[in-house]
C-alpha atoms as a PDB file:
ATOM      1  CA  MET A   1     -25.550  22.118  -5.181  1.00  0.00           C
ATOM      2  CA  LYS A   2     -24.729  24.416  -8.105  1.00  0.00           C
ATOM      3  CA  LYS A   3     -23.570  27.096  -5.646  1.00  0.00           C
ATOM      4  CA  PHE A   4     -21.256  24.613  -3.989  1.00  0.00           C
ATOM      5  CA  ALA A   5     -19.844  23.555  -7.392  1.00  0.00           C
ATOM      6  CA  ILE A   6     -19.091  27.210  -8.215  1.00  0.00           C
ATOM      7  CA  ILE A   7     -17.810  28.227  -4.763  1.00  0.00           C
ATOM      8  CA  TRP A   8     -15.554  25.196  -4.229  1.00  0.00           C
ATOM      9  CA  PRO A   9     -13.171  25.950  -7.164  1.00  0.00           C
ATOM     10  CA  LEU A  10     -13.025  29.615  -6.114  1.00  0.00           C
ATOM     11  CA  VAL A  11     -12.131  28.695  -2.542  1.00  0.00           C
ATOM     12  CA  LEU A  12      -9.501  26.269  -3.835  1.00  0.00           C
ATOM     13  CA  LEU A  13      -8.065  28.959  -6.128  1.00  0.00           C
ATOM     14  CA  ILE A  14      -7.911  31.464  -3.257  1.00  0.00           C
ATOM     15  CA  LEU A  15      -6.130  28.903  -1.077  1.00  0.00           C
ATOM     16  CA  ILE A  16      -3.573  28.161  -3.792  1.00  0.00           C
ATOM     17  CA  VAL A  17      -2.903  31.867  -4.345  1.00  0.00           C
ATOM     18  CA  ALA A  18      -2.589  32.424  -0.594  1.00  0.00           C
ATOM     19  CA  VAL A  19      -0.137  29.528  -0.156  1.00  0.00           C
ATOM     20  CA  VAL A  20       1.973  30.553  -3.130  1.00  0.00           C
ATOM     21  CA  GLY A  21       1.843  34.219  -2.117  1.00  0.00           C
ATOM     22  CA  CYS A  22       2.871  33.451   1.466  1.00  0.00           C
ATOM     23  CA  LYS A  23       5.685  31.194   0.396  1.00  0.00           C
ATOM     24  CA  SER A  24       8.814  32.412   2.095  1.00  0.00           C
ATOM     25  CA  LYS A  25      11.170  34.290  -0.131  1.00  0.00           C
ATOM     26  CA  ALA A  26      14.828  34.995   0.517  1.00  0.00           C
ATOM     27  CA  PRO A  27      15.159  38.428   2.061  1.00  0.00           C
ATOM     28  CA  SER A  28      16.847  40.924  -0.194  1.00  0.00           C
ATOM     29  CA  TYR A  29      19.230  43.620   0.947  1.00  0.00           C
ATOM     30  CA  ALA A  30      16.550  46.201   0.155  1.00  0.00           C
ATOM     31  CA  ASP A  31      14.440  44.646   2.960  1.00  0.00           C
ATOM     32  CA  ASP A  32      17.305  45.077   5.452  1.00  0.00           C
ATOM     33  CA  PRO A  33      16.809  48.200   7.603  1.00  0.00           C
ATOM     34  CA  ARG A  34      20.560  48.883   7.354  1.00  0.00           C
ATOM     35  CA  SER A  35      20.137  49.504   3.612  1.00  0.00           C
ATOM     36  CA  ARG A  36      18.167  52.637   4.463  1.00  0.00           C
ATOM     37  CA  ILE A  37      21.042  54.229   6.386  1.00  0.00           C
ATOM     38  CA  ILE A  38      22.271  57.261   4.494  1.00  0.00           C
ATOM     39  CA  GLY A  39      25.952  58.127   4.722  1.00  0.00           C
ATOM     40  CA  ALA A  40      27.694  61.489   5.027  1.00  0.00           C
ATOM     41  CA  GLU A  41      27.795  61.940   1.255  1.00  0.00           C
ATOM     42  CA  GLY A  42      24.080  61.159   0.807  1.00  0.00           C
ATOM     43  CA  ILE A  43      24.727  57.588  -0.372  1.00  0.00           C
ATOM     44  CA  ALA A  44      22.795  54.650   1.088  1.00  0.00           C
ATOM     45  CA  ARG A  45      24.767  51.984   2.965  1.00  0.00           C
ATOM     46  CA  PRO A  46      26.051  49.500   0.351  1.00  0.00           C
ATOM     47  CA  GLU A  47      25.446  45.763   0.646  1.00  0.00           C
ATOM     48  CA  TRP A  48      29.180  44.976   0.871  1.00  0.00           C
ATOM     49  CA  MET A  49      29.186  46.622   4.312  1.00  0.00           C
ATOM     50  CA  ASN A  50      27.578  43.374   5.590  1.00  0.00           C
ATOM     51  CA  GLY A  51      30.779  41.544   4.629  1.00  0.00           C
ATOM     52  CA  ALA A  52      33.265  41.437   1.794  1.00  0.00           C
ATOM     53  CA  PRO A  53      31.734  39.769  -1.290  1.00  0.00           C
ATOM     54  CA  ASN A  54      34.193  36.853  -1.462  1.00  0.00           C
ATOM     55  CA  SER A  55      33.345  33.690  -3.349  1.00  0.00           C
ATOM     56  CA  PRO A  56      35.379  30.700  -4.526  1.00  0.00           C
ATOM     57  CA  ALA A  57      34.431  31.492  -8.128  1.00  0.00           C
ATOM     58  CA  SER A  58      35.927  34.982  -7.954  1.00  0.00           C
ATOM     59  CA  ASP A  59      39.453  35.736  -9.138  1.00  0.00           C
ATOM     60  CA  LEU A  60      39.644  38.484  -6.527  1.00  0.00           C
ATOM     61  CA  TYR A  61      39.809  38.451  -2.751  1.00  0.00           C
ATOM     62  CA  TYR A  62      37.987  41.377  -1.133  1.00  0.00           C
ATOM     63  CA  VAL A  63      38.883  43.129   2.112  1.00  0.00           C
ATOM     64  CA  ILE A  64      37.135  45.989   3.904  1.00  0.00           C
ATOM     65  CA  GLY A  65      39.341  48.630   5.491  1.00  0.00           C
ATOM     66  CA  THR A  66      38.014  51.186   7.965  1.00  0.00           C
ATOM     67  CA  GLU A  67      39.393  54.437   9.367  1.00  0.00           C
ATOM     68  CA  PRO A  68      37.346  56.489  11.824  1.00  0.00           C
ATOM     69  CA  GLY A  69      39.724  59.061  13.301  1.00  0.00           C
ATOM     70  CA  LEU A  70      41.269  61.353  10.693  1.00  0.00           C
ATOM     71  CA  GLN A  71      39.846  64.521   9.204  1.00  0.00           C
ATOM     72  CA  THR A  72      40.817  64.573   5.531  1.00  0.00           C
ATOM     73  CA  ARG A  73      39.395  62.108   3.061  1.00  0.00           C
ATOM     74  CA  ILE A  74      42.848  61.289   1.644  1.00  0.00           C
ATOM     75  CA  ALA A  75      44.217  60.504   5.108  1.00  0.00           C
ATOM     76  CA  LYS A  76      41.165  58.345   5.849  1.00  0.00           C
ATOM     77  CA  GLU A  77      41.595  56.471   2.543  1.00  0.00           C
ATOM     78  CA  ASN A  78      45.286  55.843   3.265  1.00  0.00           C
ATOM     79  CA  MET A  79      44.589  54.555   6.767  1.00  0.00           C
ATOM     80  CA  ALA A  80      41.712  52.395   5.504  1.00  0.00           C
ATOM     81  CA  ARG A  81      44.131  50.986   2.892  1.00  0.00           C
ATOM     82  CA  ASN A  82      46.608  50.158   5.677  1.00  0.00           C
ATOM     83  CA  ASP A  83      43.842  48.475   7.693  1.00  0.00           C
ATOM     84  CA  ALA A  84      42.744  46.448   4.660  1.00  0.00           C
ATOM     85  CA  ALA A  85      46.374  45.557   3.810  1.00  0.00           C
ATOM     86  CA  ALA A  86      46.857  44.211   7.348  1.00  0.00           C
ATOM     87  CA  LYS A  87      43.716  42.084   6.935  1.00  0.00           C
ATOM     88  CA  LEU A  88      44.976  40.892   3.544  1.00  0.00           C
ATOM     89  CA  ALA A  89      48.320  39.907   5.107  1.00  0.00           C
ATOM     90  CA  GLN A  90      46.456  37.915   7.783  1.00  0.00           C
ATOM     91  CA  TRP A  91      44.459  36.133   5.076  1.00  0.00           C
ATOM     92  CA  LYS A  92      47.607  35.292   3.108  1.00  0.00           C
ATOM     93  CA  SER A  93      49.334  33.941   6.233  1.00  0.00           C
ATOM     94  CA  ALA A  94      46.322  31.819   7.119  1.00  0.00           C
ATOM     95  CA  VAL A  95      46.055  30.438   3.582  1.00  0.00           C
ATOM     96  CA  VAL A  96      49.751  29.502   3.416  1.00  0.00           C
ATOM     97  CA  MET A  97      49.871  28.039   6.939  1.00  0.00           C
ATOM     98  CA  ASP A  98      46.698  26.009   6.348  1.00  0.00           C
ATOM     99  CA  THR A  99      48.075  24.836   2.999  1.00  0.00           C
ATOM    100  CA  MET A 100      51.306  23.636   4.577  1.00  0.00           C
ATOM    101  CA  LYS A 101      49.468  22.000   7.474  1.00  0.00           C
ATOM    102  CA  SER A 102      47.191  20.155   5.039  1.00  0.00           C
ATOM    103  CA  TYR A 103      50.200  19.183   2.932  1.00  0.00           C
ATOM    104  CA  GLN A 104      51.971  17.722   5.966  1.00  0.00           C
ATOM    105  CA  GLU A 105      48.883  15.861   7.148  1.00  0.00           C
ATOM    106  CA  GLU A 106      47.902  14.479   3.750  1.00  0.00           C
ATOM    107  CA  GLY A 107      51.411  13.740   2.550  1.00  0.00           C
ATOM    108  CA  GLY A 108      52.657  12.299   5.810  1.00  0.00           C
ATOM    109  CA  THR A 109      55.790  14.431   5.561  1.00  0.00           C
ATOM    110  CA  ILE A 110      56.048  15.124   9.261  1.00  0.00           C
ATOM    111  CA  GLY A 111      59.771  14.224   9.337  1.00  0.00           C
ATOM    112  CA  ASN A 112      60.940  17.163   7.226  1.00  0.00           C
ATOM    113  CA  THR A 113      59.221  19.854   9.264  1.00  0.00           C
ATOM    114  CA  GLN A 114      62.185  22.211   9.452  1.00  0.00           C
ATOM    115  CA  ALA A 115      62.421  22.544   5.668  1.00  0.00           C
ATOM    116  CA  LEU A 116      58.653  22.865   5.367  1.00  0.00           C
ATOM    117  CA  PHE A 117      58.587  25.522   8.093  1.00  0.00           C
ATOM    118  CA  ARG A 118      61.284  27.538   6.282  1.00  0.00           C
ATOM    119  CA  PHE A 119      59.316  27.220   3.058  1.00  0.00           C
ATOM    120  CA  GLU A 120      56.124  28.366   4.824  1.00  0.00           C
ATOM    121  CA  GLN A 121      57.874  31.407   6.310  1.00  0.00           C
ATOM    122  CA  ALA A 122      59.486  32.304   2.968  1.00  0.00           C
ATOM    123  CA  THR A 123      56.101  32.128   1.226  1.00  0.00           C
ATOM    124  CA  ILE A 124      54.391  34.251   3.878  1.00  0.00           C
ATOM    125  CA  THR A 125      57.140  36.883   3.773  1.00  0.00           C
ATOM    126  CA  THR A 126      57.073  37.060  -0.036  1.00  0.00           C
ATOM    127  CA  SER A 127      53.297  37.167  -0.316  1.00  0.00           C
ATOM    128  CA  GLN A 128      52.861  39.775   2.422  1.00  0.00           C
ATOM    129  CA  ALA A 129      55.413  42.036   0.768  1.00  0.00           C
ATOM    130  CA  ASN A 130      53.611  41.817  -2.582  1.00  0.00           C
ATOM    131  CA  VAL A 131      50.581  44.084  -2.698  1.00  0.00           C
ATOM    132  CA  ALA A 132      50.596  44.536  -6.470  1.00  0.00           C
ATOM    133  CA  GLY A 133      47.036  44.686  -7.724  1.00  0.00           C
ATOM    134  CA  PHE A 134      45.653  45.712  -4.312  1.00  0.00           C
ATOM    135  CA  ASN A 135      43.073  48.269  -5.392  1.00  0.00           C
ATOM    136  CA  LEU A 136      40.284  50.357  -3.924  1.00  0.00           C
ATOM    137  CA  GLU A 137      37.072  49.219  -5.606  1.00  0.00           C
ATOM    138  CA  THR A 138      34.669  51.582  -3.880  1.00  0.00           C
ATOM    139  CA  TYR A 139      34.170  53.386  -0.598  1.00  0.00           C
ATOM    140  CA  TRP A 140      31.413  54.632   1.653  1.00  0.00           C
ATOM    141  CA  ILE A 141      31.508  57.247   4.401  1.00  0.00           C
ATOM    142  CA  ASP A 142      28.894  56.592   7.061  1.00  0.00           C
ATOM    143  CA  GLN A 143      26.799  59.179   8.881  1.00  0.00           C
ATOM    144  CA  ASN A 144      29.519  59.498  11.572  1.00  0.00           C
ATOM    145  CA  GLY A 145      32.240  60.285   9.036  1.00  0.00           C
ATOM    146  CA  VAL A 146      33.863  56.825   9.258  1.00  0.00           C
ATOM    147  CA  TYR A 147      35.537  55.879   5.966  1.00  0.00           C
ATOM    148  CA  HIS A 148      34.941  52.290   4.755  1.00  0.00           C
ATOM    149  CA  GLY A 149      36.854  51.096   1.688  1.00  0.00           C
ATOM    150  CA  LEU A 150      36.292  47.891  -0.280  1.00  0.00           C
ATOM    151  CA  PHE A 151      39.660  46.723  -1.622  1.00  0.00           C
ATOM    152  CA  SER A 152      40.378  43.856  -4.011  1.00  0.00           C
ATOM    153  CA  TYR A 153      43.431  41.672  -4.495  1.00  0.00           C
ATOM    154  CA  PRO A 154      43.986  39.204  -7.374  1.00  0.00           C
ATOM    155  CA  LYS A 155      44.227  35.622  -6.083  1.00  0.00           C
ATOM    156  CA  GLU A 156      46.577  34.948  -8.986  1.00  0.00           C
ATOM    157  CA  ASN A 157      49.225  37.087  -7.254  1.00  0.00           C
ATOM    158  CA  LEU A 158      49.260  34.737  -4.251  1.00  0.00           C
ATOM    159  CA  ARG A 159      49.547  31.769  -6.626  1.00  0.00           C
ATOM    160  CA  ASN A 160      52.512  33.465  -8.337  1.00  0.00           C
ATOM    161  CA  ASP A 161      54.202  34.262  -5.010  1.00  0.00           C
ATOM    162  CA  PHE A 162      53.747  30.626  -3.978  1.00  0.00           C
ATOM    163  CA  GLN A 163      55.171  29.394  -7.310  1.00  0.00           C
ATOM    164  CA  ASN A 164      58.157  31.755  -7.106  1.00  0.00           C
ATOM    165  CA  THR A 165      58.917  30.580  -3.581  1.00  0.00           C
ATOM    166  CA  VAL A 166      58.642  26.925  -4.645  1.00  0.00           C
ATOM    167  CA  THR A 167      61.070  27.540  -7.518  1.00  0.00           C
ATOM    168  CA  THR A 168      63.537  29.466  -5.342  1.00  0.00           C
ATOM    169  CA  PHE A 169      63.266  27.010  -2.471  1.00  0.00           C
ATOM    170  CA  GLU A 170      63.801  23.984  -4.723  1.00  0.00           C
ATOM    171  CA  ARG A 171      66.866  25.647  -6.186  1.00  0.00           C
ATOM    172  CA  ASN A 172      68.318  26.632  -2.789  1.00  0.00           C
ATOM    173  CA  GLU A 173      67.143  23.716  -0.649  1.00  0.00           C
ATOM    174  CA  ALA A 174      67.203  20.879  -3.186  1.00  0.00           C
ATOM    175  CA  ALA A 175      68.378  18.157  -0.809  1.00  0.00           C
ATOM    176  CA  ALA A 176      66.218  19.091   2.179  1.00  0.00           C
ATOM    177  CA  PHE A 177      63.161  19.771   0.075  1.00  0.00           C
ATOM    178  CA  ALA A 178      63.399  17.059  -2.586  1.00  0.00           C
ATOM    179  CA  ASP A 179      60.255  15.285  -1.392  1.00  0.00           C
ATOM    180  CA  PHE A 180      58.059  18.372  -1.679  1.00  0.00           C
ATOM    181  CA  LYS A 181      55.502  17.896  -4.467  1.00  0.00           C
ATOM    182  CA  ALA A 182      54.683  21.307  -5.880  1.00  0.00           C
ATOM    183  CA  GLN A 183      51.497  20.270  -7.672  1.00  0.00           C
ATOM    184  CA  GLU A 184      50.012  18.835  -4.500  1.00  0.00           C
ATOM    185  CA  ALA A 185      50.845  22.026  -2.643  1.00  0.00           C
ATOM    186  CA  PHE A 186      49.145  24.104  -5.363  1.00  0.00           C
ATOM    187  CA  ARG A 187      45.992  22.022  -5.087  1.00  0.00           C
ATOM    188  CA  LEU A 188      45.948  22.635  -1.347  1.00  0.00           C
ATOM    189  CA  LEU A 189      46.684  26.354  -1.804  1.00  0.00           C
ATOM    190  CA  GLU A 190      43.717  26.644  -4.150  1.00  0.00           C
ATOM    191  CA  ALA A 191      41.448  24.918  -1.635  1.00  0.00           C
ATOM    192  CA  GLN A 192      42.619  27.189   1.180  1.00  0.00           C
ATOM    193  CA  MET A 193      42.207  30.389  -0.886  1.00  0.00           C
ATOM    194  CA  ASN A 194      38.607  29.482  -1.527  1.00  0.00           C
ATOM    195  CA  ALA A 195      37.823  28.361   2.020  1.00  0.00           C
ATOM    196  CA  PRO A 196      35.465  30.630   3.948  1.00  0.00           C
ATOM    197  CA  ARG A 197      37.196  32.819   6.528  1.00  0.00           C
ATOM    198  CA  GLU A 198      36.315  35.489   9.107  1.00  0.00           C
END
């Protein structure tokens, strides 16, 4: 009986340790076999290669640009920047179009679609032309010589482009656009900028 009294707590302790030790843990990037890939410059594959590290809390929007074909590093960086800028332009267009669609649906302003469409196009054109603050954060060259650049863009710049277009549009299209509520549109823009994409 004494043996059982001594063995029972030990067995229970071993079971508790085994259950706690086997508890599933979130896999880390270090456990991912892709993290052990070494690039052309001797650098391990960075975690951002699994996808741009975008989050609603961030003031920056991240884009990955890639360029596989050119020989010089400068040419590869420039082409990767162009690739990332094209992806950024697509993101800006999607954000603005989704914002205007949400504005029309929520506000019930279906009747003034021509003015809203012109506003949408003006915002897209302005925001796509503005790449101020579009910066290379880091890069990685894989084992095949493909250049991958992680670029960032301040979300505040899209907000400013939107605000400038609202101000210009209200001034130029006052009668046709009088019912547009700028604050509501900004709320929707913010929601769309932070919506997951890809």
